[in-house]
Every structure is written in structure tokens, then in C-alpha cells.
């Protein structure tokens, strides 16, 4: 782990933007982080907590995965996902909305899901498990934050820390097998598995999973903001969870000095960090 930390930090120091990361080796329990408690914009990594709050309400009988979910025009004022482009008025299920919220980061679904489950409830779940640096302020995401400059203040957006996201993902891993861990999220082990499966179906794979070998699968959620390219996930090898990795980049400029786009540079940087972790913790 010490050598991996050195390698990760050297790669981060070489960038023209800030990188915050968290790693946990699920074999040994060893953890490490860089600026682990620094609060930065979460972008769509926030949706993991929204997903688990929704599943908590399913467990409580407040919601049903099969209940109807109407796609309404008021939620289509967004720049993220696919449903923004379709004619409003069609109906899917609540489960389908959760899937779309995660796998293509669909903010038409996210905005309504957040309204249905309530941001106060999402924040309460986060606080209850120790995500003390996390704040869910805006349920609709890009509908209300579009137009923000790349150097906007953290307080203008939803925010989190790499350690907070690591806490949530670690409880999810444990909750796959341990009822006590699942109960911390207000869920059963079966419902935690539903959440994990949805994260494994992620279609936006140009960050953490991008450079990994075929036997690697990543249950993860990306996040793209005006100043961030983020990703948080659990890396599986041959079906077994091996490590947690969270990479949040911050103050990413529109372009770096080479002329390349800042967003693409930060995304590839995240992929490189994940590959370094894979090589150190799984392939070695």
C-alpha cells in the first residue's frame, strides 16, 4: 500500500488540477487517501446516496420498485441523460427510473427521484453513516447548476469528500452479505444487491474502468461538473470485490497547457489511477 500511495501521489502531483482519492483494499482492510476530508463538488456521484435512500424507502414500504413513474416535461430541463430528448408524458417504473439515474446519469429521472424521496432524507442517511462532509442541496443537478463557471464556489453545488463516498461504498460491500451492514442503510441484503447490480450496469465507463483488463468489473457512479470529473466505485475481479476507489478531481480547467481538454485529461487520469491500484492490489 505504501508504494501504491507514492505512485498515486506522484501521478496526481504531475497534473494541472487537484486530485483527491480514497483507496481501500478489501482483502487486507488497509485504507489510504489524499485530501480525504476536503469538501469538493460531488457532481453525480451524489446519486449513489439517492439510490440507497430510495431503496431504504422501498424496504420501509413507503415506495415500491414497481410503482408508476411519469416522465414530466418540468424535469426535462437538463443536460444529462437521454430522457431530456424524448416527448414527455410516458410512464416507466420507479425501478427503471433508478436504473436510468445511475447507468446513464439521467437527470430527468434524478430530479423527480430526489423530489420523491426528499433531499432531507438523503442527507439524513448520509449523516447517519458518518458522511459528515456531504451536502445534498440541489435535487435537479444540471437543471439548476448549468452555467456555473469552472471555478465556482463549492457551496454553489452538491458536495462530498472522497472518504465519505468510501464509507458509503464500504457499507454497501459489507451489506451484500451482512444483514447488520445492510441495516445501516435501512435495507436488506437483497436490496443492497439491487443497488450494487445497478451500479455494475453503469454505461459511462471512460473513467475508473477504462484501462482495466476484461476480468475486472466496476460498480460505480461517475460525476461531471463545471469544475470536476469524478468517479467512485468498487472494483471486482472475477466476481469478487477487491478494492474501493474514489477519485474526485477539482478545479479542472477547460483546457490544459498541452491544448487537450481538461475534462478528457482528468478522465484519463482517473483511469490511470485505477489501473495503478489494480496492478498493486489485484494483479501483483
Protein backbone atom coordinates (compact mmCIF):
# COMPACT_ATOMS: atom_id res chain seq x y z
CA UNK A 1 0.00 0.00 0.00
CA UNK A 2 2.83 2.44 0.81
CA UNK A 3 4.32 2.02 -2.67
CA UNK A 4 0.90 2.44 -4.27
CA UNK A 5 0.26 5.65 -2.31
CA UNK A 6 3.60 7.05 -3.50
CA UNK A 7 2.81 6.12 -7.09
CA UNK A 8 -0.68 7.63 -6.97
CA UNK A 9 0.53 10.87 -5.41
CA UNK A 10 3.31 11.28 -7.97
CA UNK A 11 0.77 10.91 -10.77
CA UNK A 12 -1.52 13.47 -9.09
CA UNK A 13 1.29 15.95 -8.48
CA UNK A 14 2.02 15.96 -12.22
CA UNK A 15 -1.47 17.26 -13.10
CA UNK A 16 -2.57 20.87 -13.59
CA UNK A 17 -5.64 20.36 -11.39
CA UNK A 18 -6.34 18.96 -7.94
CA UNK A 19 -6.92 15.25 -7.36
CA UNK A 20 -8.45 13.76 -4.25
CA UNK A 21 -8.57 9.98 -3.87
CA UNK A 22 -9.51 7.22 -1.46
CA UNK A 23 -8.49 3.54 -1.67
CA UNK A 24 -9.47 0.54 0.43
CA UNK A 25 -8.00 -2.91 -0.11
CA UNK A 26 -10.93 -5.22 0.61
CA UNK A 27 -8.59 -8.17 1.18
CA UNK A 28 -6.49 -6.59 3.92
CA UNK A 29 -8.69 -3.74 5.09
CA UNK A 30 -5.89 -1.23 4.50
CA UNK A 31 -7.03 2.28 3.59
CA UNK A 32 -5.32 5.39 2.28
CA UNK A 33 -6.39 8.74 0.93
CA UNK A 34 -5.23 12.06 -0.47
CA UNK A 35 -7.07 15.11 0.91
CA UNK A 36 -9.67 12.66 2.12
CA UNK A 37 -11.78 15.11 4.13
CA UNK A 38 -11.61 18.08 1.76
CA UNK A 39 -15.11 19.04 0.60
CA UNK A 40 -15.50 19.41 -3.17
CA UNK A 41 -18.43 19.36 -5.61
CA UNK A 42 -19.83 15.85 -5.83
CA UNK A 43 -21.48 16.11 -9.24
CA UNK A 44 -23.40 12.90 -9.96
CA UNK A 45 -21.51 10.71 -7.50
CA UNK A 46 -24.27 12.04 -5.19
CA UNK A 47 -26.69 9.67 -6.91
CA UNK A 48 -25.33 6.63 -5.04
CA UNK A 49 -26.77 8.05 -1.82
CA UNK A 50 -30.03 8.96 -3.56
CA UNK A 51 -30.25 5.38 -4.87
CA UNK A 52 -29.73 3.87 -1.43
CA UNK A 53 -32.23 6.26 0.18
CA UNK A 54 -34.79 5.18 -2.41
CA UNK A 55 -34.11 1.51 -1.65
CA UNK A 56 -34.39 2.25 2.07
CA UNK A 57 -37.87 3.64 1.43
CA UNK A 58 -38.73 0.53 -0.56
CA UNK A 59 -37.70 -1.55 2.45
CA UNK A 60 -39.87 0.63 4.70
CA UNK A 61 -42.88 0.17 2.42
CA UNK A 62 -43.03 3.87 1.53
CA UNK A 63 -42.14 3.17 -2.10
CA UNK A 64 -42.41 0.22 -4.48
CA UNK A 65 -39.96 -0.62 -7.24
CA UNK A 66 -42.97 -1.37 -9.46
CA UNK A 67 -44.88 1.86 -8.85
CA UNK A 68 -45.51 4.06 -11.93
CA UNK A 69 -43.09 6.89 -12.67
CA UNK A 70 -44.30 9.55 -15.10
CA UNK A 71 -41.74 11.42 -17.19
CA UNK A 72 -42.86 15.03 -16.95
CA UNK A 73 -41.69 17.98 -19.02
CA UNK A 74 -40.69 20.06 -15.99
CA UNK A 75 -37.90 17.59 -15.24
CA UNK A 76 -36.52 17.56 -18.79
CA UNK A 77 -34.71 20.89 -18.46
CA UNK A 78 -31.36 19.18 -18.07
CA UNK A 79 -28.14 18.43 -19.92
CA UNK A 80 -27.58 14.91 -18.61
CA UNK A 81 -29.02 11.60 -19.76
CA UNK A 82 -31.36 10.56 -22.54
CA UNK A 83 -34.93 11.25 -21.42
CA UNK A 84 -34.40 15.00 -21.88
CA UNK A 85 -34.75 14.39 -25.64
CA UNK A 86 -37.98 12.34 -25.60
CA UNK A 87 -41.55 13.54 -25.70
CA UNK A 88 -42.87 13.90 -22.14
CA UNK A 89 -45.84 12.05 -20.72
CA UNK A 90 -44.64 8.45 -20.95
CA UNK A 91 -44.50 6.14 -17.94
CA UNK A 92 -41.86 3.78 -16.62
CA UNK A 93 -41.45 2.15 -13.18
CA UNK A 94 -39.67 3.56 -10.15
CA UNK A 95 -37.07 0.81 -10.59
CA UNK A 96 -36.50 1.89 -14.20
CA UNK A 97 -36.02 5.48 -13.04
CA UNK A 98 -33.38 4.41 -10.51
CA UNK A 99 -31.58 2.44 -13.21
CA UNK A 100 -31.57 5.36 -15.65
CA UNK A 101 -30.44 7.76 -12.90
CA UNK A 102 -27.32 5.65 -12.41
CA UNK A 103 -26.35 3.96 -15.66
CA UNK A 104 -26.63 7.00 -17.97
CA UNK A 105 -26.84 9.64 -15.21
CA UNK A 106 -30.28 10.67 -16.43
CA UNK A 107 -31.22 13.89 -14.63
CA UNK A 108 -34.81 13.81 -15.86
CA UNK A 109 -35.16 10.78 -13.61
CA UNK A 110 -32.81 12.09 -10.91
CA UNK A 111 -34.72 15.31 -10.35
CA UNK A 112 -38.01 13.54 -9.81
CA UNK A 113 -36.50 10.71 -7.76
CA UNK A 114 -34.85 13.30 -5.50
CA UNK A 115 -38.17 15.11 -5.10
CA UNK A 116 -39.98 11.86 -4.33
CA UNK A 117 -37.52 10.55 -1.72
CA UNK A 118 -36.68 14.01 -0.33
CA UNK A 119 -33.22 15.54 0.00
CA UNK A 120 -33.71 15.82 3.76
CA UNK A 121 -33.97 12.02 3.85
CA UNK A 122 -30.88 11.63 1.64
CA UNK A 123 -28.90 13.94 3.91
CA UNK A 124 -30.18 12.13 6.99
CA UNK A 125 -28.98 8.77 5.63
CA UNK A 126 -25.57 10.24 4.82
CA UNK A 127 -25.19 11.74 8.28
CA UNK A 128 -26.32 8.52 9.97
CA UNK A 129 -23.44 6.54 8.45
CA UNK A 130 -20.75 9.18 9.02
CA UNK A 131 -20.72 11.05 5.71
CA UNK A 132 -20.27 14.31 7.61
CA UNK A 133 -18.72 16.27 4.73
CA UNK A 134 -21.59 15.55 2.32
CA UNK A 135 -24.37 18.00 1.47
CA UNK A 136 -27.24 17.36 -0.94
CA UNK A 137 -28.50 20.85 -1.81
CA UNK A 138 -29.97 20.50 -5.29
CA UNK A 139 -32.02 17.54 -6.44
CA UNK A 140 -32.17 18.50 -10.10
CA UNK A 141 -28.46 18.76 -10.73
CA UNK A 142 -27.58 20.27 -14.10
CA UNK A 143 -31.00 21.88 -14.48
CA UNK A 144 -30.08 24.42 -11.83
CA UNK A 145 -26.25 24.39 -11.92
CA UNK A 146 -25.71 24.76 -15.68
CA UNK A 147 -23.95 27.98 -16.49
CA UNK A 148 -21.78 27.89 -13.36
CA UNK A 149 -18.14 28.85 -14.10
CA UNK A 150 -15.50 26.16 -13.74
CA UNK A 151 -14.13 27.90 -10.63
CA UNK A 152 -17.48 28.31 -8.85
CA UNK A 153 -17.55 28.03 -5.02
CA UNK A 154 -18.21 24.62 -3.52
CA UNK A 155 -21.27 25.98 -1.73
CA UNK A 156 -22.98 26.55 -5.08
CA UNK A 157 -23.34 22.81 -5.69
CA UNK A 158 -23.85 19.43 -4.06
CA UNK A 159 -20.70 18.45 -2.23
CA UNK A 160 -18.88 15.50 -0.68
CA UNK A 161 -15.47 14.07 0.21
CA UNK A 162 -13.61 11.01 -1.05
CA UNK A 163 -13.69 9.46 2.43
CA UNK A 164 -17.46 9.97 2.65
CA UNK A 165 -18.03 8.15 -0.63
CA UNK A 166 -15.66 5.43 0.51
CA UNK A 167 -17.72 4.96 3.69
CA UNK A 168 -20.92 4.50 1.66
CA UNK A 169 -19.36 2.05 -0.78
CA UNK A 170 -17.72 0.06 2.02
CA UNK A 171 -21.07 -0.39 3.81
CA UNK A 172 -22.62 -1.48 0.51
CA UNK A 173 -19.95 -4.14 0.01
CA UNK A 174 -20.46 -5.46 3.54
CA UNK A 175 -24.22 -5.21 3.13
CA UNK A 176 -24.17 -7.75 0.31
CA UNK A 177 -23.52 -10.46 2.92
CA UNK A 178 -24.09 -8.93 6.35
CA UNK A 179 -27.64 -8.01 7.45
CA UNK A 180 -26.22 -5.69 10.11
CA UNK A 181 -24.35 -3.67 7.50
CA UNK A 182 -27.37 -3.56 5.19
CA UNK A 183 -29.45 -2.31 8.13
CA UNK A 184 -27.15 0.71 8.46
CA UNK A 185 -28.54 1.75 5.07
CA UNK A 186 -32.08 0.86 6.11
CA UNK A 187 -32.01 -2.03 3.65
CA UNK A 188 -31.93 -5.81 3.45
CA UNK A 189 -29.04 -7.66 1.84
CA UNK A 190 -31.29 -8.29 -1.17
CA UNK A 191 -31.94 -4.58 -1.63
CA UNK A 192 -28.25 -3.76 -1.27
CA UNK A 193 -27.66 -6.28 -4.07
CA UNK A 194 -30.22 -4.44 -6.20
CA UNK A 195 -28.25 -1.24 -5.68
CA UNK A 196 -24.94 -2.96 -6.45
CA UNK A 197 -26.30 -4.55 -9.60
CA UNK A 198 -27.48 -1.16 -10.85
CA UNK A 199 -24.01 0.31 -10.23
CA UNK A 200 -22.48 -2.62 -12.13
CA UNK A 201 -24.72 -1.80 -15.13
CA UNK A 202 -23.04 1.61 -15.48
CA UNK A 203 -22.65 2.61 -19.15
CA UNK A 204 -20.38 5.66 -18.63
CA UNK A 205 -17.10 3.78 -18.39
CA UNK A 206 -14.47 6.25 -19.62
CA UNK A 207 -13.03 6.85 -16.14
CA UNK A 208 -12.26 4.22 -13.49
CA UNK A 209 -12.86 1.10 -15.64
CA UNK A 210 -11.43 2.45 -18.88
CA UNK A 211 -7.97 0.83 -18.75
CA UNK A 212 -8.76 -2.27 -16.70
CA UNK A 213 -8.49 -5.83 -18.09
CA UNK A 214 -11.58 -7.83 -19.11
CA UNK A 215 -11.89 -9.78 -15.84
CA UNK A 216 -12.38 -6.51 -13.96
CA UNK A 217 -15.87 -5.14 -13.41
CA UNK A 218 -16.60 -1.87 -11.64
CA UNK A 219 -19.76 -0.95 -9.74
CA UNK A 220 -19.51 2.81 -9.95
CA UNK A 221 -21.05 6.21 -10.48
CA UNK A 222 -19.41 8.97 -12.45
CA UNK A 223 -19.90 12.68 -11.91
CA UNK A 224 -19.31 15.59 -14.26
CA UNK A 225 -19.47 19.16 -13.02
CA UNK A 226 -18.32 22.58 -14.12
CA UNK A 227 -15.02 22.08 -12.26
CA UNK A 228 -14.96 18.30 -11.71
CA UNK A 229 -14.58 14.92 -13.35
CA UNK A 230 -15.41 12.37 -10.65
CA UNK A 231 -15.88 8.64 -10.22
CA UNK A 232 -16.47 6.40 -7.22
CA UNK A 233 -16.66 2.64 -7.32
CA UNK A 234 -15.95 -0.89 -6.21
CA UNK A 235 -13.63 -2.94 -8.42
CA UNK A 236 -14.43 -6.64 -8.79
CA UNK A 237 -12.10 -9.34 -10.11
CA UNK A 238 -13.81 -12.49 -11.37
CA UNK A 239 -16.93 -11.56 -9.41
CA UNK A 240 -15.19 -10.82 -6.11
CA UNK A 241 -14.97 -7.26 -4.71
CA UNK A 242 -11.25 -6.43 -4.39
CA UNK A 243 -10.92 -2.72 -3.71
CA UNK A 244 -12.81 0.54 -3.37
CA UNK A 245 -11.53 3.55 -5.25
CA UNK A 246 -12.85 7.10 -5.28
CA UNK A 247 -11.25 9.75 -7.50
CA UNK A 248 -12.55 13.30 -7.35
CA UNK A 249 -10.76 15.89 -9.47
CA UNK A 250 -11.23 19.57 -8.76
CA UNK A 251 -10.51 22.94 -10.35
CA UNK A 252 -10.21 21.22 -13.73
CA UNK A 253 -9.71 23.99 -16.34
CA UNK A 254 -11.45 23.91 -19.73
CA UNK A 255 -8.08 23.06 -21.32
CA UNK A 256 -4.64 22.11 -20.02
CA UNK A 257 -1.32 23.52 -21.23
CA UNK A 258 -0.87 20.80 -23.87
CA UNK A 259 -4.03 22.05 -25.56
CA UNK A 260 -6.02 18.98 -24.59
CA UNK A 261 -9.41 19.36 -22.96
CA UNK A 262 -9.36 19.43 -19.18
CA UNK A 263 -12.31 17.05 -18.87
CA UNK A 264 -10.74 14.35 -21.04
CA UNK A 265 -7.38 14.76 -19.33
CA UNK A 266 -8.96 14.37 -15.89
CA UNK A 267 -10.97 11.34 -17.01
CA UNK A 268 -7.89 9.57 -18.36
CA UNK A 269 -6.01 10.49 -15.19
CA UNK A 270 -8.72 8.74 -13.13
CA UNK A 271 -8.41 5.66 -15.34
CA UNK A 272 -4.65 5.61 -14.83
CA UNK A 273 -5.00 5.82 -11.06
CA UNK A 274 -7.46 2.92 -11.07
CA UNK A 275 -5.09 0.83 -13.20
CA UNK A 276 -2.25 1.55 -10.77
CA UNK A 277 -4.46 0.34 -7.91
CA UNK A 278 -5.44 -2.78 -9.86
CA UNK A 279 -1.83 -3.64 -10.62
CA UNK A 280 -0.81 -3.18 -6.99
CA UNK A 281 -3.76 -4.80 -5.24
CA UNK A 282 -5.01 -7.45 -7.67
CA UNK A 283 -2.53 -8.26 -10.44
CA UNK A 284 0.61 -8.36 -8.30
